[in-house]
Amino acid sequence: MNEKELTDASIPYSASSSNDHEAHVSSSSGEFTSRSILSLLGATGAVFCTVGFQNAFGVFQTYYGESFLSNESGSDIGWIGSINIFILFSGSLVTGRILDLSGPVVMFWAGSTLTVFSLMMISLCRKYWQFILAQAILLGIANACLVCPAVALIGQYFKKRRAVALGVTIAGSSLGGVIWPIVVHQLLQKPNIGFGWTMRIAGLIMLPILAVSSIIARPPILPKTMGEPLKKPAWDWTVVNTKEMLFTASGFFLIYFGMFTPFFFTTSYAIESGFSTNLAFYTVSLINGASLFGRILPGLVADRYGRFNLCIIMTVFSGIIALCWTTVTSAAGIVIFSLAYGFSSGGILSLQQACAAQIATPSNMGTAVGFVMASTSLSALAGTPVSGALIDKYGYLSVSIYSGVSMLVGSLVLVMAKLTQNSKLLAAV
């Protein structure tokens, strides 16, 4: 896509008359401006409180199995996290298009309010169906209102440094994945606090973060010379009906069958393997801590050598590491595995959004990002319960193979998505 095409692709919801031309998305030299940086911080805060909190589900998976839901199988408990992810991703197809049409303000405030409210409802849960309603469905809807609009908004601001900017945004989920498991685990260990107040405290921590994020995340401003934005149809599927988009969506659909499995089950694997409970719980933070760097550093390379190229490499590495899961038999091994998988999978999660944004224009950025996220919803929904069922019946070797193979096959489909854009195998795509 050339500069003229980017300029002609107007941002459909911005009607501001401000003189602040520096936020114009087609100017790569002025991408990091006060407005874009504030929006980047707001988007990162939103992801920290949504996907970041969801990344701590491994702690809840283990805690529920030992307390409220001790009569349920690991697969049944896994449905709570899977339904949450499914709604987050499938709902992004709608919330992404709403961003294209009306901007992020309404979505941010609605998602923030629902997120805090859902945590207060989770604090009252004690039965399986209650957790399904509050943590799986309600929190999933709240997350869908925040995640895709946050990611697509940053995609509209940045072109030249898009992989880095999106990496920083998605890194908010890794930071959350480091902090939230520690916060939740430490609070649950205190008898005078318990589960109910643990969730309420989490909600109170999120409240100011999401409020500030909703205030500072604003759409780019169009220069006056571009005139009024053209009226867009409610649903524009042009970007979806391309080979590169269909291959990209199909690739991530396959990858997501097994990508979250180590996030959710490394803790239980560590406990079953005889490691200390504290070390087992901290594996979630280790994975997400390494993922923080994995979501930023590959973006520095991807903007120069190709976002699809780096995403394929990180996916292959993740698949190979997952296949080595059950070879871990020592405390040092579980730490190294957690760090290695966290770093490589972090690259997938950030570069996925960069790949989707690369195919889109500013006017359909939300639709493109939302479509790729929605394409992973069914595989993300099935991934955790299938993994739990495999562990219950065949042990961790089976789930290691399942997770690794799904990512390796998905990487092959991403190669096809790359080749549809440039037939040269070594081209920077």
Protein backbone atom coordinates (compact mmCIF):
# COMPACT_ATOMS: atom_id res chain seq x y z
CA MET A 1 0.00 0.00 0.00
CA ASN A 2 1.48 3.40 -0.97
CA GLU A 3 1.32 6.73 0.87
CA LYS A 4 -1.44 8.09 -1.36
CA GLU A 5 -3.68 5.09 -0.61
CA LEU A 6 -3.19 5.59 3.08
CA THR A 7 -3.99 9.27 2.80
CA ASP A 8 -7.12 8.60 0.75
CA ALA A 9 -8.35 6.03 3.25
CA SER A 10 -10.04 8.43 5.64
CA ILE A 11 -10.73 7.71 9.30
CA PRO A 12 -14.52 7.49 9.16
CA TYR A 13 -15.46 8.63 12.63
CA SER A 14 -13.19 11.66 13.20
CA ALA A 15 -14.95 14.98 12.63
CA SER A 16 -12.78 17.17 14.84
CA SER A 17 -11.72 20.61 13.64
CA SER A 18 -8.53 20.80 15.75
CA ASN A 19 -5.32 22.15 14.26
CA ASP A 20 -3.34 19.24 15.63
CA HIS A 21 -2.10 17.80 12.34
CA GLU A 22 0.62 15.73 13.95
CA ALA A 23 -1.77 12.89 14.72
CA HIS A 24 -2.44 12.23 11.05
CA VAL A 25 -1.80 8.53 10.46
CA SER A 26 -0.20 8.84 7.05
CA SER A 27 2.80 10.79 8.41
CA SER A 28 5.35 8.25 9.52
CA SER A 29 7.70 11.00 10.78
CA GLY A 30 5.08 12.23 13.24
CA GLU A 31 3.70 8.92 14.48
CA PHE A 32 4.88 9.30 18.08
CA THR A 33 3.01 12.45 19.11
CA SER A 34 1.45 13.46 22.40
CA ARG A 35 -1.98 12.31 21.21
CA SER A 36 -0.78 8.98 19.82
CA ILE A 37 1.34 8.23 22.90
CA LEU A 38 -1.59 8.95 25.23
CA SER A 39 -3.79 6.67 23.13
CA LEU A 40 -1.06 4.03 23.24
CA LEU A 41 -0.96 4.24 27.04
CA GLY A 42 -4.75 4.08 27.21
CA ALA A 43 -4.90 1.03 24.96
CA THR A 44 -2.14 -0.67 26.96
CA GLY A 45 -4.03 -0.04 30.19
CA ALA A 46 -7.18 -1.55 28.71
CA VAL A 47 -5.33 -4.67 27.58
CA PHE A 48 -3.62 -4.93 31.00
CA CYS A 49 -7.00 -5.16 32.72
CA THR A 50 -8.60 -7.54 30.21
CA VAL A 51 -6.34 -10.03 28.45
CA GLY A 52 -3.77 -9.51 31.23
CA PHE A 53 -6.29 -10.66 33.81
CA GLN A 54 -7.39 -13.54 31.57
CA ASN A 55 -3.75 -14.66 31.35
CA ALA A 56 -3.94 -15.35 35.09
CA PHE A 57 -6.63 -17.99 34.56
CA GLY A 58 -4.11 -20.73 35.30
CA VAL A 59 -4.26 -19.64 38.95
CA PHE A 60 -8.07 -19.80 38.91
CA GLN A 61 -7.99 -23.17 37.13
CA THR A 62 -5.99 -24.66 39.99
CA TYR A 63 -7.78 -22.78 42.80
CA TYR A 64 -11.28 -23.69 41.62
CA GLY A 65 -10.26 -27.34 41.32
CA GLU A 66 -9.13 -27.31 44.95
CA SER A 67 -12.06 -25.34 46.38
CA PHE A 68 -15.48 -24.41 44.97
CA LEU A 69 -15.36 -26.72 41.96
CA SER A 70 -13.50 -29.70 43.39
CA ASN A 71 -16.24 -31.99 42.05
CA GLU A 72 -15.72 -30.75 38.49
CA SER A 73 -13.14 -32.12 36.04
CA GLY A 74 -10.24 -30.04 34.78
CA SER A 75 -11.93 -29.95 31.38
CA ASP A 76 -15.16 -28.56 32.86
CA ILE A 77 -13.29 -25.84 34.74
CA GLY A 78 -11.37 -25.04 31.58
CA TRP A 79 -14.64 -24.10 29.88
CA ILE A 80 -14.79 -20.98 32.07
CA GLY A 81 -11.61 -19.60 30.52
CA SER A 82 -12.44 -20.89 27.04
CA ILE A 83 -15.90 -19.29 26.89
CA ASN A 84 -14.36 -16.02 28.07
CA ILE A 85 -11.79 -16.14 25.25
CA PHE A 86 -14.43 -17.21 22.71
CA ILE A 87 -16.69 -14.25 23.49
CA LEU A 88 -13.73 -11.87 23.55
CA PHE A 89 -12.58 -12.93 20.09
CA SER A 90 -15.93 -13.53 18.40
CA GLY A 91 -17.33 -10.27 19.78
CA SER A 92 -14.37 -8.40 18.33
CA LEU A 93 -15.86 -8.70 14.85
CA VAL A 94 -18.69 -6.42 16.03
CA THR A 95 -16.73 -4.12 18.34
CA GLY A 96 -14.00 -3.64 15.72
CA ARG A 97 -16.51 -2.40 13.16
CA ILE A 98 -18.13 -0.13 15.76
CA LEU A 99 -14.69 1.43 16.26
CA ASP A 100 -14.42 2.07 12.50
CA LEU A 101 -17.80 3.80 12.50
CA SER A 102 -17.94 5.75 15.75
CA GLY A 103 -14.55 5.71 17.49
CA PRO A 104 -13.32 4.24 20.77
CA VAL A 105 -15.03 6.42 23.39
CA VAL A 106 -18.31 4.53 23.81
CA MET A 107 -16.64 1.13 23.60
CA PHE A 108 -14.00 2.02 26.19
CA TRP A 109 -16.47 3.35 28.75
CA ALA A 110 -18.93 0.47 28.24
CA GLY A 111 -16.17 -2.14 28.46
CA SER A 112 -14.61 -0.55 31.53
CA THR A 113 -17.90 -0.40 33.40
CA LEU A 114 -18.79 -3.99 32.53
CA THR A 115 -15.33 -5.27 33.49
CA VAL A 116 -15.43 -3.85 37.01
CA PHE A 117 -19.07 -4.94 37.43
CA SER A 118 -18.30 -8.51 36.32
CA LEU A 119 -15.48 -8.82 38.87
CA MET A 120 -17.87 -7.78 41.61
CA MET A 121 -20.28 -10.48 40.43
CA ILE A 122 -17.52 -13.11 40.32
CA SER A 123 -16.76 -12.32 43.98
CA LEU A 124 -20.24 -13.65 44.84
CA CYS A 125 -19.92 -16.89 42.86
CA ARG A 126 -19.70 -20.29 44.52
CA LYS A 127 -21.27 -22.69 41.98
CA TYR A 128 -20.17 -23.77 38.52
CA TRP A 129 -23.06 -22.15 36.62
CA GLN A 130 -22.45 -18.88 38.45
CA PHE A 131 -18.82 -18.80 37.32
CA ILE A 132 -19.96 -19.53 33.75
CA LEU A 133 -22.34 -16.57 33.80
CA ALA A 134 -20.08 -14.05 35.57
CA GLN A 135 -16.49 -14.97 34.64
CA ALA A 136 -17.03 -16.66 31.29
CA ILE A 137 -19.90 -14.73 29.66
CA LEU A 138 -20.16 -11.32 31.34
CA LEU A 139 -16.40 -10.75 31.64
CA GLY A 140 -15.99 -12.00 28.06
CA ILE A 141 -18.46 -9.39 26.76
CA ALA A 142 -16.70 -6.69 28.77
CA ASN A 143 -13.31 -7.71 27.37
CA ALA A 144 -14.63 -7.72 23.79
CA CYS A 145 -15.67 -4.09 24.20
CA LEU A 146 -12.11 -3.12 25.08
CA VAL A 147 -9.53 -5.36 23.43
CA CYS A 148 -10.23 -5.12 19.69
CA PRO A 149 -11.01 -1.36 19.77
CA ALA A 150 -7.77 -0.77 21.71
CA VAL A 151 -5.66 -2.76 19.23
CA ALA A 152 -7.34 -1.34 16.12
CA LEU A 153 -7.07 2.22 17.45
CA ILE A 154 -3.28 1.89 17.69
CA GLY A 155 -3.19 0.38 14.21
CA GLN A 156 -4.82 3.56 12.91
CA TYR A 157 -2.15 5.78 14.47
CA PHE A 158 0.96 3.89 13.40
CA LYS A 159 2.15 2.67 10.01
CA LYS A 160 5.95 2.66 9.88
CA ARG A 161 6.37 1.51 13.50
CA ARG A 162 3.14 -0.45 13.68
CA ALA A 163 4.62 -3.75 14.92
CA VAL A 164 6.44 -1.98 17.75
CA ALA A 165 3.39 0.07 18.76
CA LEU A 166 1.10 -2.95 18.71
CA GLY A 167 3.74 -4.94 20.56
CA VAL A 168 3.74 -2.35 23.34
CA THR A 169 -0.07 -2.46 23.46
CA ILE A 170 -0.24 -6.25 23.62
CA ALA A 171 2.62 -6.23 26.14
CA GLY A 172 0.07 -4.79 28.55
CA SER A 173 -1.49 -8.24 28.68
CA SER A 174 1.89 -9.77 29.56
CA LEU A 175 2.44 -7.22 32.29
CA GLY A 176 -1.01 -8.12 33.58
CA GLY A 177 -0.13 -11.79 33.27
CA VAL A 178 2.86 -11.16 35.55
CA ILE A 179 1.11 -8.99 38.13
CA TRP A 180 -2.38 -10.48 38.35
CA PRO A 181 -1.36 -14.08 39.20
CA ILE A 182 0.86 -12.78 42.01
CA VAL A 183 -1.80 -10.41 43.32
CA VAL A 184 -4.56 -13.02 43.17
CA HIS A 185 -2.42 -15.83 44.63
CA GLN A 186 -1.12 -13.70 47.51
CA LEU A 187 -4.58 -12.41 48.39
CA LEU A 188 -6.10 -15.89 48.26
CA GLN A 189 -3.46 -17.10 50.71
CA LYS A 190 -4.65 -14.63 53.36
CA PRO A 191 -7.55 -16.14 55.41
CA ASN A 192 -8.86 -12.71 56.40
CA ILE A 193 -9.38 -11.75 52.75
CA GLY A 194 -10.61 -14.86 50.94
CA PHE A 195 -11.90 -15.25 47.41
CA GLY A 196 -14.70 -12.67 47.56
CA TRP A 197 -12.52 -9.77 48.61
CA THR A 198 -9.73 -10.89 46.31
CA MET A 199 -11.99 -10.28 43.32
CA ARG A 200 -13.32 -7.01 44.74
CA ILE A 201 -9.80 -5.71 45.32
CA ALA A 202 -8.91 -6.66 41.74
CA GLY A 203 -11.92 -4.67 40.53
CA LEU A 204 -10.94 -1.65 42.63
CA ILE A 205 -7.41 -1.78 41.21
CA MET A 206 -8.79 -1.84 37.66
CA LEU A 207 -11.26 1.01 38.24
CA PRO A 208 -8.82 3.97 38.06
CA ILE A 209 -6.71 2.31 35.33
CA LEU A 210 -9.70 1.81 33.05
CA ALA A 211 -11.11 5.25 33.84
CA VAL A 212 -7.85 6.95 32.80
CA SER A 213 -7.59 4.71 29.72
CA SER A 214 -11.11 5.68 28.64
CA ILE A 215 -10.25 9.36 28.98
CA ILE A 216 -6.92 9.44 27.13
CA ALA A 217 -7.62 6.93 24.30
CA ARG A 218 -8.84 9.15 21.45
CA PRO A 219 -9.08 8.68 17.66
CA PRO A 220 -6.64 10.31 15.23
CA ILE A 221 -7.54 13.79 13.99
CA LEU A 222 -7.97 14.39 10.27
CA PRO A 223 -6.40 17.55 8.81
CA LYS A 224 -8.91 20.12 7.61
CA THR A 225 -7.57 19.79 4.06
CA MET A 226 -8.93 16.26 3.87
CA GLY A 227 -12.46 17.52 4.24
CA GLU A 228 -15.35 15.69 5.88
CA PRO A 229 -15.03 11.91 6.01
CA LEU A 230 -17.05 9.92 3.56
CA LYS A 231 -20.06 8.06 4.88
CA LYS A 232 -19.30 4.37 5.14
CA PRO A 233 -21.70 1.44 4.98
CA ALA A 234 -22.49 -0.21 8.31
CA TRP A 235 -20.74 -3.41 7.26
CA ASP A 236 -17.87 -3.28 4.79
CA TRP A 237 -16.46 -6.78 4.11
CA THR A 238 -14.09 -5.79 1.30
CA VAL A 239 -10.96 -6.46 3.33
CA VAL A 240 -12.28 -9.88 4.37
CA ASN A 241 -12.73 -11.13 0.80
CA THR A 242 -9.03 -11.30 -0.02
CA LYS A 243 -6.77 -14.35 -0.20
CA GLU A 244 -4.20 -12.92 2.16
CA MET A 245 -6.84 -12.18 4.82
CA LEU A 246 -8.47 -15.62 4.52
CA PHE A 247 -5.12 -17.42 4.77
CA THR A 248 -4.11 -15.24 7.71
CA ALA A 249 -7.33 -15.92 9.58
CA SER A 250 -7.12 -19.65 8.84
CA GLY A 251 -3.53 -19.81 10.09
CA PHE A 252 -4.34 -18.21 13.42
CA PHE A 253 -7.47 -20.37 13.70
CA LEU A 254 -5.22 -23.45 13.74
CA ILE A 255 -2.60 -21.89 16.00
CA TYR A 256 -5.11 -21.02 18.70
CA PHE A 257 -6.12 -24.64 19.20
CA GLY A 258 -2.98 -25.15 21.25
CA MET A 259 -1.36 -21.79 21.91
CA PHE A 260 -3.00 -21.09 25.29
CA THR A 261 -2.56 -24.63 26.61
CA PRO A 262 0.82 -24.03 28.34
CA PHE A 263 -0.54 -20.76 29.78
CA PHE A 264 -3.39 -22.59 31.49
CA PHE A 265 -1.85 -25.96 32.40
CA THR A 266 1.81 -25.37 33.24
CA THR A 267 0.79 -24.69 36.86
CA SER A 268 -1.10 -27.97 37.20
CA TYR A 269 1.74 -29.82 35.40
CA ALA A 270 4.26 -28.41 37.89
CA ILE A 271 2.12 -29.49 40.85
CA GLU A 272 1.57 -32.98 39.44
CA SER A 273 5.30 -33.30 38.76
CA GLY A 274 6.07 -32.67 42.43
CA PHE A 275 7.34 -29.10 42.33
CA SER A 276 6.54 -26.74 45.20
CA THR A 277 3.16 -25.04 45.16
CA ASN A 278 4.73 -21.56 45.15
CA LEU A 279 6.94 -22.38 42.16
CA ALA A 280 3.95 -23.89 40.37
CA PHE A 281 1.85 -20.76 40.81
CA TYR A 282 4.69 -18.50 39.73
CA THR A 283 5.08 -20.33 36.40
CA VAL A 284 2.15 -18.26 35.11
CA SER A 285 4.03 -15.08 35.98
CA LEU A 286 7.22 -16.46 34.44
CA ILE A 287 5.46 -17.22 31.15
CA ASN A 288 3.86 -13.80 31.03
CA GLY A 289 7.03 -12.02 32.15
CA ALA A 290 8.96 -13.50 29.23
CA SER A 291 5.98 -12.84 26.98
CA LEU A 292 6.30 -9.13 27.82
CA PHE A 293 9.66 -9.03 26.02
CA GLY A 294 8.41 -11.41 23.33
CA ARG A 295 5.65 -8.98 22.42
CA ILE A 296 7.93 -5.97 22.05
CA LEU A 297 11.37 -7.11 20.83
CA PRO A 298 10.21 -9.07 17.73
CA GLY A 299 8.29 -5.98 16.64
CA LEU A 300 11.54 -4.03 16.42
CA VAL A 301 12.77 -6.57 13.88
CA ALA A 302 9.41 -7.18 12.19
CA ASP A 303 8.96 -3.56 11.07
CA ARG A 304 12.14 -3.94 9.03
CA TYR A 305 12.24 -7.61 7.97
CA GLY A 306 8.53 -8.40 7.69
CA ARG A 307 5.73 -8.93 10.18
CA PHE A 308 4.56 -12.19 8.61
CA ASN A 309 8.16 -13.46 8.51
CA LEU A 310 8.73 -12.90 12.22
CA CYS A 311 5.29 -14.23 13.15
CA ILE A 312 5.97 -17.48 11.27
CA ILE A 313 9.35 -17.86 12.99
CA MET A 314 7.89 -17.26 16.47
CA THR A 315 5.07 -19.72 15.77
CA VAL A 316 7.51 -22.46 14.73
CA PHE A 317 9.61 -21.85 17.85
CA SER A 318 6.49 -22.02 20.04
CA GLY A 319 5.42 -25.30 18.47
CA ILE A 320 8.84 -26.89 19.01
CA ILE A 321 9.01 -25.70 22.63
CA ALA A 322 5.51 -27.06 23.33
CA LEU A 323 6.57 -30.45 21.98
CA CYS A 324 9.38 -30.47 24.56
CA TRP A 325 7.01 -29.78 27.47
CA THR A 326 7.11 -33.20 29.15
CA THR A 327 10.91 -33.42 29.00
CA VAL A 328 10.93 -30.93 31.90
CA THR A 329 11.78 -32.84 35.09
CA SER A 330 13.54 -30.25 37.28
CA ALA A 331 12.81 -26.86 38.82
CA ALA A 332 15.35 -25.24 36.53
CA GLY A 333 13.73 -26.97 33.57
CA ILE A 334 10.23 -25.69 34.35
CA VAL A 335 11.61 -22.15 34.72
CA ILE A 336 13.47 -22.34 31.38
CA PHE A 337 10.43 -23.85 29.64
CA SER A 338 8.15 -21.11 31.01
CA LEU A 339 10.53 -18.34 29.94
CA ALA A 340 11.16 -19.80 26.47
CA TYR A 341 7.51 -20.47 25.69
CA GLY A 342 6.44 -17.13 27.09
CA PHE A 343 8.87 -15.24 24.86
CA SER A 344 8.05 -17.11 21.63
CA SER A 345 4.26 -17.13 22.12
CA GLY A 346 4.36 -13.45 23.01
CA GLY A 347 5.65 -12.77 19.52
CA ILE A 348 2.66 -14.58 18.03
CA LEU A 349 0.14 -12.56 20.02
CA SER A 350 1.59 -9.17 19.12
CA LEU A 351 2.52 -9.90 15.50
CA GLN A 352 -0.91 -11.41 14.84
CA GLN A 353 -2.41 -7.94 15.19
CA ALA A 354 0.38 -6.39 13.10
CA CYS A 355 -0.23 -8.92 10.31
CA ALA A 356 -3.97 -8.18 10.31
CA ALA A 357 -3.36 -4.42 10.33
CA GLN A 358 -0.88 -4.73 7.46
CA ILE A 359 -3.63 -6.04 5.18
CA ALA A 360 -6.08 -3.28 6.18
CA THR A 361 -6.48 0.45 5.55
CA PRO A 362 -7.18 3.00 8.31
CA SER A 363 -10.89 3.04 7.44
CA ASN A 364 -11.37 -0.72 7.92
CA MET A 365 -8.68 -1.39 10.54
CA GLY A 366 -11.19 -2.43 13.18
CA THR A 367 -12.95 -4.79 10.80
CA ALA A 368 -9.68 -6.46 9.76
CA VAL A 369 -8.35 -6.88 13.30
CA GLY A 370 -11.77 -7.99 14.51
CA PHE A 371 -12.12 -10.57 11.74
CA VAL A 372 -8.76 -12.19 12.52
CA MET A 373 -9.56 -12.23 16.23
CA ALA A 374 -13.04 -13.64 15.56
CA SER A 375 -11.57 -16.39 13.36
CA THR A 376 -9.72 -17.71 16.40
CA SER A 377 -12.78 -17.76 18.65
CA LEU A 378 -13.91 -21.33 17.94
CA SER A 379 -10.42 -22.82 18.25
CA ALA A 380 -9.76 -20.81 21.42
CA LEU A 381 -13.11 -22.04 22.78
CA ALA A 382 -12.24 -25.69 22.12
CA GLY A 383 -8.53 -25.51 22.96
CA THR A 384 -8.61 -25.48 26.76
CA PRO A 385 -11.37 -28.09 27.30
CA VAL A 386 -9.76 -30.39 24.74
CA SER A 387 -6.43 -29.98 26.52
CA GLY A 388 -8.05 -30.69 29.88
CA ALA A 389 -9.75 -33.81 28.51
CA LEU A 390 -6.48 -35.06 27.00
CA ILE A 391 -4.69 -34.57 30.32
CA ASP A 392 -7.43 -36.36 32.26
CA LYS A 393 -7.36 -39.37 29.91
CA TYR A 394 -3.86 -39.61 28.46
CA GLY A 395 -1.60 -37.33 30.50
CA TYR A 396 0.55 -34.35 29.60
CA LEU A 397 2.47 -35.96 26.73
CA SER A 398 -0.70 -36.01 24.63
CA VAL A 399 -1.46 -32.34 25.28
CA SER A 400 2.15 -31.44 24.53
CA ILE A 401 1.84 -33.03 21.09
CA TYR A 402 -1.59 -31.48 20.55
CA SER A 403 -0.35 -27.98 21.40
CA GLY A 404 2.87 -28.19 19.39
CA VAL A 405 1.40 -29.71 16.23
CA SER A 406 -1.47 -27.19 16.07
CA MET A 407 1.02 -24.32 16.02
CA LEU A 408 3.33 -25.94 13.48
CA VAL A 409 0.45 -26.62 11.09
CA GLY A 410 -0.82 -23.07 11.57
CA SER A 411 2.61 -21.70 10.70
CA LEU A 412 2.44 -23.45 7.32
CA VAL A 413 -0.84 -21.69 6.54
CA LEU A 414 0.74 -18.35 7.49
CA VAL A 415 3.46 -19.08 4.94
CA MET A 416 0.67 -19.28 2.33
CA ALA A 417 -0.68 -15.92 3.54
CA LYS A 418 2.80 -14.44 3.11
CA LEU A 419 3.24 -15.89 -0.38
CA THR A 420 -0.10 -14.45 -1.57
CA GLN A 421 1.31 -11.00 -0.82
CA ASN A 422 4.76 -11.65 -2.30
CA SER A 423 5.71 -14.84 -4.11
CA LYS A 424 9.39 -14.50 -3.16
CA LEU A 425 10.02 -16.78 -0.19
CA LEU A 426 12.63 -14.50 1.42
CA ALA A 427 10.80 -11.22 0.79
CA ALA A 428 10.16 -8.92 3.76
CA VAL A 429 6.40 -9.29 4.20
